[in-house]
Amino acid sequence: MTVTAIKEYVGVPRDRVENFNGKQLVYVSWDHHLLFAAPFLLCLPPQTSFRELVEGPLSALVQPDPDAAAIDWTKVEWLKSNQPWTPDFDRSLVDNGIGHKDQIRMRTPGLASLSAAA
């Protein structure tokens, strides 16, 4: 649909990293787990270690899923930019190449109690 404006429209993105007081947005999704309809959106300092992400907010967010207690975080298959990727749990998000508004995905083969696909 075409929009006609009475003056020049200049869109200003409000989700730039500068607007998050030193933090960044990170999206995390769990493949084949339909209890979560969309990726989790986390606002984290770039210095957060990957381990802190997993053991803190990510572990808490996946708890409602019946498979959550069975996750072996050392065997999770990670994807970044839709490519297989191995994070260093002891390095920061920025050191792992995770920037503002990046999405990472996780797969847990064998755990799909709420999905027909595994």
Protein backbone atom coordinates (compact mmCIF):
# COMPACT_ATOMS: atom_id res chain seq x y z
CA MET A 1 0.00 0.00 0.00
CA THR A 2 1.37 3.36 -0.99
CA VAL A 3 1.66 6.08 1.64
CA THR A 4 1.66 9.76 0.76
CA ALA A 5 3.27 12.07 3.31
CA ILE A 6 2.81 15.82 3.51
CA LYS A 7 6.53 16.23 4.25
CA GLU A 8 9.69 14.17 3.98
CA TYR A 9 9.63 11.14 6.27
CA VAL A 10 12.89 10.18 7.94
CA GLY A 11 12.74 6.91 9.85
CA VAL A 12 15.01 6.72 12.88
CA PRO A 13 15.67 3.20 14.15
CA ARG A 14 15.13 3.01 17.89
CA ASP A 15 16.83 -0.37 18.35
CA ARG A 16 20.40 0.73 17.64
CA VAL A 17 23.01 -0.58 20.07
CA GLU A 18 23.68 2.99 21.25
CA ASN A 19 20.21 3.06 22.78
CA PHE A 20 20.77 0.14 25.17
CA ASN A 21 23.17 1.69 27.69
CA GLY A 22 26.12 -0.60 26.98
CA LYS A 23 24.04 -3.72 26.44
CA GLN A 24 23.04 -5.53 23.28
CA LEU A 25 20.06 -7.54 22.10
CA VAL A 26 20.57 -11.26 21.48
CA TYR A 27 17.92 -13.61 20.10
CA VAL A 28 18.04 -17.30 21.06
CA SER A 29 15.74 -19.99 19.69
CA TRP A 30 15.35 -23.69 20.43
CA ASP A 31 14.67 -25.63 17.24
CA HIS A 32 11.75 -28.09 17.27
CA HIS A 33 10.36 -26.84 20.57
CA LEU A 34 7.01 -25.36 19.73
CA LEU A 35 6.19 -24.31 23.28
CA PHE A 36 8.22 -21.21 22.41
CA ALA A 37 6.63 -19.58 19.37
CA ALA A 38 9.42 -17.05 18.82
CA PRO A 39 13.06 -16.61 19.77
CA PHE A 40 13.84 -15.38 23.26
CA LEU A 41 15.02 -11.78 23.28
CA LEU A 42 17.74 -11.04 25.82
CA CYS A 43 19.35 -7.71 26.65
CA LEU A 44 22.87 -8.48 27.86
CA PRO A 45 26.23 -6.78 28.31
CA PRO A 46 28.58 -7.83 25.48
CA GLN A 47 31.06 -8.96 28.17
CA THR A 48 28.64 -11.66 29.40
CA SER A 49 30.29 -15.05 29.03
CA PHE A 50 28.48 -17.64 26.98
CA ARG A 51 28.37 -19.81 30.11
CA GLU A 52 26.61 -17.01 32.04
CA LEU A 53 24.07 -16.74 29.21
CA VAL A 54 23.37 -20.49 29.26
CA GLU A 55 23.41 -21.04 33.03
CA GLY A 56 21.47 -17.86 33.77
CA PRO A 57 18.68 -16.47 31.61
CA LEU A 58 18.60 -19.19 28.94
CA SER A 59 18.26 -22.06 31.43
CA ALA A 60 15.52 -20.15 33.25
CA LEU A 61 13.61 -19.36 30.07
CA VAL A 62 13.50 -22.96 28.78
CA GLN A 63 12.29 -24.41 32.13
CA PRO A 64 8.59 -24.59 31.14
CA ASP A 65 9.46 -27.15 28.42
CA PRO A 66 9.26 -30.78 29.62
CA ASP A 67 12.63 -31.48 27.95
CA ALA A 68 14.47 -28.69 29.77
CA ALA A 69 15.76 -30.83 32.65
CA ALA A 70 17.23 -33.34 30.18
CA ILE A 71 19.34 -30.82 28.24
CA ASP A 72 23.03 -31.70 28.23
CA TRP A 73 24.47 -28.30 27.41
CA THR A 74 27.77 -29.88 26.31
CA LYS A 75 25.91 -31.75 23.55
CA VAL A 76 23.70 -28.95 22.26
CA GLU A 77 24.20 -28.23 18.57
CA TRP A 78 24.51 -24.48 18.06
CA LEU A 79 23.89 -22.45 14.91
CA LYS A 80 24.85 -18.86 14.22
CA SER A 81 23.83 -17.28 10.92
CA ASN A 82 22.26 -20.65 10.09
CA GLN A 83 25.68 -22.31 10.14
CA PRO A 84 26.95 -24.89 12.64
CA TRP A 85 28.96 -23.13 15.30
CA THR A 86 30.79 -24.08 18.47
CA PRO A 87 30.74 -21.41 21.18
CA ASP A 88 33.50 -21.05 23.74
CA PHE A 89 31.56 -21.12 27.01
CA ASP A 90 34.26 -19.23 28.89
CA ARG A 91 34.55 -16.35 26.40
CA SER A 92 32.30 -13.32 26.17
CA LEU A 93 29.49 -12.86 23.70
CA VAL A 94 31.59 -10.40 21.73
CA ASP A 95 34.57 -12.79 21.74
CA ASN A 96 32.23 -15.48 20.40
CA GLY A 97 31.24 -13.16 17.56
CA ILE A 98 27.75 -12.48 18.88
CA GLY A 99 26.80 -8.90 18.13
CA HIS A 100 23.80 -6.66 18.62
CA LYS A 101 20.56 -8.25 17.33
CA ASP A 102 22.28 -11.52 16.34
CA GLN A 103 20.28 -14.72 16.60
CA ILE A 104 21.70 -18.03 17.76
CA ARG A 105 19.79 -21.29 17.54
CA MET A 106 20.13 -24.45 19.54
CA ARG A 107 19.24 -28.02 18.67
CA THR A 108 18.91 -30.85 21.13
CA PRO A 109 18.72 -34.10 19.15
CA GLY A 110 16.51 -36.66 20.86
CA LEU A 111 14.62 -34.07 22.88
CA ALA A 112 11.37 -33.17 21.17
CA SER A 113 8.51 -34.05 23.48
CA LEU A 114 6.29 -31.26 22.14
CA SER A 115 7.16 -31.66 18.46
CA ALA A 116 6.68 -34.32 15.82
CA ALA A 117 10.17 -33.62 14.43
CA ALA A 118 13.43 -34.36 16.21
